[in-house]
Amino acid sequence: MKQNLETKEMSQGHPALGRETENMKERRVHERKDVRWVARIMLSDVSLNCIVLDLSLGGARVGVGDRFQGHQRVQLELEKIASLNAEVVWRGIGIIGLRFTNDPVFIERTLGPFLR
């Protein structure tokens, strides 16, 4: 499958992708694992290519080309794995932070094997 230019640029990184404050790391409940997974974010009226940059049982940091407004509810489509409900909890330049809203047992069963 051919990646579009937007997705290719996101996978190579953006200067803002590496910036993260220490207090954000300290507030995390779940340990994050660095990944570089091509995925899609589904909004009510549009589907966007994205790159999952890191992942935990609680959420994900995702590189996106489009800007998000406020705390939107979305679905993160992880190809051949699952579709996860999430809420945008923070936004940066070219990145967003998602908090999963599915049942924690479902999240553990779905993502746990990839995070060990």
N, C-alpha and C. Protein backbone atom coordinates (compact mmCIF):
# COMPACT_ATOMS: atom_id res chain seq x y z
N MET A 1 0.84 -1.16 0.00
CA MET A 1 0.00 0.00 0.00
C MET A 1 0.89 1.24 0.00
N LYS A 2 0.64 2.16 -0.91
CA LYS A 2 1.45 3.36 -1.04
C LYS A 2 1.02 4.41 -0.03
N GLN A 3 1.98 4.94 0.74
CA GLN A 3 1.67 5.98 1.71
C GLN A 3 1.55 7.31 0.99
N ASN A 4 0.58 8.13 1.41
CA ASN A 4 0.53 9.46 0.82
C ASN A 4 1.64 10.30 1.44
N LEU A 5 1.92 11.46 0.85
CA LEU A 5 3.02 12.31 1.29
C LEU A 5 2.86 12.73 2.74
N GLU A 6 1.62 13.07 3.14
CA GLU A 6 1.35 13.51 4.51
C GLU A 6 1.77 12.43 5.52
N THR A 7 1.38 11.19 5.26
CA THR A 7 1.71 10.09 6.17
C THR A 7 3.21 9.84 6.18
N LYS A 8 3.86 9.91 5.00
CA LYS A 8 5.29 9.68 4.93
C LYS A 8 6.05 10.74 5.74
N GLU A 9 5.64 12.00 5.62
CA GLU A 9 6.29 13.06 6.38
C GLU A 9 6.10 12.86 7.87
N MET A 10 4.92 12.42 8.30
CA MET A 10 4.65 12.20 9.71
C MET A 10 5.52 11.08 10.25
N SER A 11 5.73 10.03 9.45
CA SER A 11 6.51 8.90 9.93
C SER A 11 7.98 9.26 10.08
N GLN A 12 8.45 10.25 9.30
CA GLN A 12 9.84 10.67 9.41
C GLN A 12 10.06 11.61 10.58
N GLY A 13 9.00 12.14 11.11
CA GLY A 13 9.11 12.98 12.30
C GLY A 13 8.99 14.46 12.01
N HIS A 14 8.61 15.18 13.00
CA HIS A 14 8.45 16.62 12.98
C HIS A 14 9.21 17.12 14.20
N PRO A 15 9.85 18.25 14.13
CA PRO A 15 10.63 18.71 15.29
C PRO A 15 9.85 18.70 16.59
N ALA A 16 8.55 19.00 16.54
CA ALA A 16 7.75 19.05 17.77
C ALA A 16 7.45 17.66 18.33
N LEU A 17 7.62 16.62 17.52
CA LEU A 17 7.27 15.28 17.98
C LEU A 17 8.15 14.81 19.13
N GLY A 18 9.38 15.25 19.18
CA GLY A 18 10.28 14.78 20.21
C GLY A 18 10.19 15.57 21.51
N ARG A 19 9.52 16.70 21.49
CA ARG A 19 9.43 17.55 22.69
C ARG A 19 8.37 17.05 23.64
N GLU A 20 8.77 16.86 24.88
CA GLU A 20 7.82 16.41 25.89
C GLU A 20 8.35 16.83 27.25
N THR A 21 7.53 17.42 28.08
CA THR A 21 8.02 17.88 29.38
C THR A 21 8.08 16.75 30.37
N GLU A 22 8.96 16.91 31.36
CA GLU A 22 9.12 15.88 32.39
C GLU A 22 7.86 15.70 33.21
N ASN A 23 7.13 16.78 33.52
CA ASN A 23 5.93 16.61 34.34
C ASN A 23 4.85 15.85 33.60
N MET A 24 4.81 15.87 32.26
CA MET A 24 3.85 15.04 31.52
C MET A 24 4.19 13.57 31.73
N LYS A 25 5.48 13.24 31.70
CA LYS A 25 5.90 11.86 31.89
C LYS A 25 5.54 11.38 33.30
N GLU A 26 5.71 12.25 34.27
CA GLU A 26 5.44 11.89 35.66
C GLU A 26 3.95 11.66 35.91
N ARG A 27 3.07 12.32 35.16
CA ARG A 27 1.63 12.19 35.36
C ARG A 27 1.06 10.91 34.74
N ARG A 28 1.82 10.24 33.91
CA ARG A 28 1.31 9.05 33.22
C ARG A 28 1.06 7.92 34.19
N VAL A 29 -0.06 7.26 33.98
CA VAL A 29 -0.42 6.09 34.78
C VAL A 29 0.15 4.83 34.14
N HIS A 30 0.16 4.77 32.82
CA HIS A 30 0.61 3.58 32.09
C HIS A 30 1.94 3.86 31.39
N GLU A 31 2.80 2.86 31.39
CA GLU A 31 4.06 2.96 30.67
C GLU A 31 3.79 2.98 29.17
N ARG A 32 4.50 3.85 28.47
CA ARG A 32 4.33 3.97 27.02
C ARG A 32 5.42 3.20 26.28
N LYS A 33 5.04 2.70 25.11
CA LYS A 33 5.99 2.01 24.25
C LYS A 33 6.08 2.77 22.93
N ASP A 34 7.30 3.07 22.50
CA ASP A 34 7.49 3.72 21.21
C ASP A 34 7.11 2.76 20.09
N VAL A 35 6.29 3.23 19.19
CA VAL A 35 5.90 2.46 18.00
C VAL A 35 5.88 3.44 16.84
N ARG A 36 5.81 2.96 15.66
CA ARG A 36 5.62 3.79 14.47
C ARG A 36 4.63 3.03 13.58
N TRP A 37 3.37 3.09 13.99
CA TRP A 37 2.33 2.35 13.28
C TRP A 37 1.50 3.29 12.43
N VAL A 38 1.33 2.93 11.16
CA VAL A 38 0.42 3.66 10.28
C VAL A 38 -1.00 3.31 10.73
N ALA A 39 -1.83 4.32 10.87
CA ALA A 39 -3.21 4.12 11.34
C ALA A 39 -4.11 5.17 10.70
N ARG A 40 -5.37 5.17 11.14
CA ARG A 40 -6.33 6.17 10.67
C ARG A 40 -7.12 6.68 11.88
N ILE A 41 -7.43 7.96 11.84
CA ILE A 41 -8.32 8.54 12.84
C ILE A 41 -9.64 8.80 12.15
N MET A 42 -10.70 8.28 12.75
CA MET A 42 -12.04 8.43 12.20
C MET A 42 -12.79 9.48 13.02
N LEU A 43 -13.21 10.54 12.35
CA LEU A 43 -14.08 11.53 12.95
C LEU A 43 -15.48 11.25 12.42
N SER A 44 -16.45 11.98 12.87
CA SER A 44 -17.82 11.72 12.43
C SER A 44 -17.98 11.89 10.92
N ASP A 45 -17.21 12.78 10.30
CA ASP A 45 -17.40 13.05 8.88
C ASP A 45 -16.16 12.89 8.01
N VAL A 46 -15.05 12.46 8.60
CA VAL A 46 -13.82 12.35 7.83
C VAL A 46 -12.89 11.30 8.44
N SER A 47 -12.01 10.78 7.58
CA SER A 47 -11.00 9.81 8.00
C SER A 47 -9.64 10.38 7.64
N LEU A 48 -8.70 10.37 8.60
CA LEU A 48 -7.38 10.96 8.40
C LEU A 48 -6.28 9.93 8.60
N ASN A 49 -5.29 9.94 7.72
CA ASN A 49 -4.10 9.11 7.93
C ASN A 49 -3.32 9.67 9.10
N CYS A 50 -2.68 8.79 9.85
CA CYS A 50 -1.88 9.23 10.98
C CYS A 50 -0.80 8.19 11.27
N ILE A 51 0.10 8.56 12.18
CA ILE A 51 1.15 7.66 12.64
C ILE A 51 1.05 7.59 14.16
N VAL A 52 0.88 6.39 14.71
CA VAL A 52 0.90 6.23 16.16
C VAL A 52 2.36 6.23 16.57
N LEU A 53 2.75 7.21 17.39
CA LEU A 53 4.14 7.40 17.77
C LEU A 53 4.50 6.63 19.03
N ASP A 54 3.59 6.67 20.01
CA ASP A 54 3.75 5.82 21.19
C ASP A 54 2.38 5.42 21.69
N LEU A 55 2.38 4.36 22.47
CA LEU A 55 1.14 3.69 22.82
C LEU A 55 1.22 3.14 24.23
N SER A 56 0.11 3.21 24.93
CA SER A 56 0.00 2.60 26.26
C SER A 56 -1.41 2.05 26.40
N LEU A 57 -1.68 1.43 27.54
CA LEU A 57 -3.03 0.94 27.79
C LEU A 57 -4.01 2.10 28.00
N GLY A 58 -3.49 3.28 28.29
CA GLY A 58 -4.35 4.43 28.54
C GLY A 58 -4.59 5.33 27.35
N GLY A 59 -3.67 5.30 26.38
CA GLY A 59 -3.83 6.19 25.24
C GLY A 59 -2.66 6.13 24.29
N ALA A 60 -2.56 7.15 23.43
CA ALA A 60 -1.53 7.17 22.40
C ALA A 60 -1.15 8.60 22.05
N ARG A 61 0.08 8.74 21.57
CA ARG A 61 0.53 10.00 20.98
C ARG A 61 0.56 9.75 19.49
N VAL A 62 -0.11 10.63 18.74
CA VAL A 62 -0.36 10.37 17.33
C VAL A 62 0.07 11.58 16.50
N GLY A 63 0.83 11.33 15.43
CA GLY A 63 1.19 12.37 14.48
C GLY A 63 0.10 12.49 13.43
N VAL A 64 -0.38 13.71 13.26
CA VAL A 64 -1.44 13.98 12.28
C VAL A 64 -1.08 15.23 11.48
N GLY A 65 -1.57 15.30 10.27
CA GLY A 65 -1.31 16.46 9.43
C GLY A 65 -2.33 17.56 9.62
N ASP A 66 -3.52 17.22 10.04
CA ASP A 66 -4.58 18.20 10.22
C ASP A 66 -4.67 18.65 11.66
N ARG A 67 -5.23 19.83 11.86
CA ARG A 67 -5.41 20.35 13.21
C ARG A 67 -6.72 19.87 13.78
N PHE A 68 -6.73 19.69 15.08
CA PHE A 68 -7.93 19.27 15.79
C PHE A 68 -8.43 20.41 16.65
N GLN A 69 -9.72 20.48 16.78
CA GLN A 69 -10.35 21.51 17.60
C GLN A 69 -10.83 20.88 18.89
N GLY A 70 -10.45 21.44 20.02
CA GLY A 70 -10.98 21.00 21.30
C GLY A 70 -10.75 19.54 21.62
N HIS A 71 -11.61 19.04 22.46
CA HIS A 71 -11.52 17.66 22.95
C HIS A 71 -12.51 16.79 22.19
N GLN A 72 -12.19 16.45 20.97
CA GLN A 72 -13.06 15.66 20.12
C GLN A 72 -13.01 14.19 20.49
N ARG A 73 -14.11 13.52 20.26
CA ARG A 73 -14.14 12.06 20.37
C ARG A 73 -13.84 11.51 18.98
N VAL A 74 -12.96 10.50 18.94
CA VAL A 74 -12.52 9.92 17.68
C VAL A 74 -12.45 8.40 17.82
N GLN A 75 -12.19 7.75 16.71
CA GLN A 75 -11.85 6.33 16.71
C GLN A 75 -10.47 6.21 16.10
N LEU A 76 -9.61 5.44 16.74
CA LEU A 76 -8.28 5.17 16.22
C LEU A 76 -8.33 3.78 15.60
N GLU A 77 -8.15 3.73 14.30
CA GLU A 77 -8.19 2.46 13.57
C GLU A 77 -6.77 1.92 13.43
N LEU A 78 -6.47 0.89 14.21
CA LEU A 78 -5.17 0.22 14.12
C LEU A 78 -5.35 -0.97 13.20
N GLU A 79 -4.78 -0.88 12.02
CA GLU A 79 -4.98 -1.90 11.00
C GLU A 79 -4.67 -3.30 11.51
N LYS A 80 -5.57 -4.21 11.27
CA LYS A 80 -5.47 -5.63 11.64
C LYS A 80 -5.42 -5.86 13.15
N ILE A 81 -5.66 -4.81 13.95
CA ILE A 81 -5.65 -4.99 15.40
C ILE A 81 -7.01 -4.67 15.98
N ALA A 82 -7.44 -3.41 15.87
CA ALA A 82 -8.72 -3.02 16.46
C ALA A 82 -9.05 -1.57 16.11
N SER A 83 -10.27 -1.23 16.37
CA SER A 83 -10.74 0.14 16.32
C SER A 83 -11.01 0.55 17.76
N LEU A 84 -10.33 1.59 18.22
CA LEU A 84 -10.43 2.00 19.62
C LEU A 84 -11.08 3.38 19.73
N ASN A 85 -12.02 3.51 20.64
CA ASN A 85 -12.63 4.80 20.92
C ASN A 85 -11.67 5.61 21.76
N ALA A 86 -11.60 6.91 21.49
CA ALA A 86 -10.67 7.77 22.21
C ALA A 86 -11.18 9.21 22.23
N GLU A 87 -10.54 9.98 23.09
CA GLU A 87 -10.82 11.41 23.19
C GLU A 87 -9.50 12.14 23.03
N VAL A 88 -9.51 13.22 22.25
CA VAL A 88 -8.32 14.05 22.12
C VAL A 88 -8.18 14.84 23.42
N VAL A 89 -7.08 14.62 24.15
CA VAL A 89 -6.90 15.28 25.44
C VAL A 89 -5.84 16.38 25.40
N TRP A 90 -5.00 16.40 24.36
CA TRP A 90 -4.09 17.51 24.17
C TRP A 90 -3.70 17.59 22.70
N ARG A 91 -3.27 18.78 22.30
CA ARG A 91 -2.89 19.03 20.91
C ARG A 91 -1.56 19.75 20.88
N GLY A 92 -0.76 19.43 19.89
CA GLY A 92 0.50 20.13 19.64
C GLY A 92 0.61 20.37 18.15
N ILE A 93 1.75 20.85 17.70
CA ILE A 93 1.95 21.08 16.28
C ILE A 93 2.17 19.73 15.60
N GLY A 94 1.20 19.28 14.85
CA GLY A 94 1.32 18.01 14.13
C GLY A 94 1.14 16.77 14.98
N ILE A 95 0.77 16.92 16.25
CA ILE A 95 0.55 15.76 17.11
C ILE A 95 -0.66 15.98 18.00
N ILE A 96 -1.25 14.88 18.42
CA ILE A 96 -2.33 14.92 19.41
C ILE A 96 -2.11 13.81 20.42
N GLY A 97 -2.67 13.99 21.59
CA GLY A 97 -2.66 12.96 22.62
C GLY A 97 -4.06 12.40 22.75
N LEU A 98 -4.18 11.10 22.73
CA LEU A 98 -5.47 10.43 22.85
C LEU A 98 -5.56 9.68 24.17
N ARG A 99 -6.73 9.69 24.77
CA ARG A 99 -7.04 8.86 25.94
C ARG A 99 -8.10 7.88 25.49
N PHE A 100 -7.82 6.59 25.63
CA PHE A 100 -8.79 5.57 25.23
C PHE A 100 -9.99 5.59 26.15
N THR A 101 -11.18 5.41 25.57
CA THR A 101 -12.42 5.43 26.34
C THR A 101 -13.13 4.09 26.35
N ASN A 102 -12.55 3.09 25.70
CA ASN A 102 -13.11 1.74 25.74
C ASN A 102 -12.96 1.16 27.14
N ASP A 103 -13.64 0.06 27.39
CA ASP A 103 -13.51 -0.67 28.64
C ASP A 103 -12.04 -1.09 28.82
N PRO A 104 -11.44 -0.82 29.99
CA PRO A 104 -10.03 -1.17 30.22
C PRO A 104 -9.71 -2.65 29.99
N VAL A 105 -10.64 -3.53 30.25
CA VAL A 105 -10.41 -4.96 30.01
C VAL A 105 -10.25 -5.22 28.52
N PHE A 106 -11.07 -4.58 27.69
CA PHE A 106 -10.95 -4.70 26.23
C PHE A 106 -9.60 -4.16 25.76
N ILE A 107 -9.19 -3.01 26.30
CA ILE A 107 -7.92 -2.41 25.92
C ILE A 107 -6.76 -3.33 26.29
N GLU A 108 -6.78 -3.88 27.49
CA GLU A 108 -5.72 -4.80 27.93
C GLU A 108 -5.66 -6.03 27.03
N ARG A 109 -6.81 -6.60 26.73
CA ARG A 109 -6.86 -7.81 25.89
C ARG A 109 -6.38 -7.50 24.47
N THR A 110 -6.69 -6.31 23.97
CA THR A 110 -6.38 -5.93 22.59
C THR A 110 -4.92 -5.47 22.43
N LEU A 111 -4.47 -4.59 23.32
CA LEU A 111 -3.14 -4.00 23.17
C LEU A 111 -2.06 -4.64 24.03
N GLY A 112 -2.47 -5.30 25.11
CA GLY A 112 -1.51 -5.89 26.04
C GLY A 112 -0.41 -6.70 25.38
N PRO A 113 -0.72 -7.61 24.45
CA PRO A 113 0.32 -8.41 23.81
C PRO A 113 1.35 -7.58 23.04
N PHE A 114 0.96 -6.41 22.54
CA PHE A 114 1.88 -5.55 21.79
C PHE A 114 2.74 -4.68 22.69
N LEU A 115 2.34 -4.54 23.94
CA LEU A 115 3.03 -3.63 24.86
C LEU A 115 3.99 -4.35 25.80
N ARG A 116 4.02 -5.67 25.76
CA ARG A 116 4.90 -6.43 26.66
C ARG A 116 6.28 -6.59 26.09
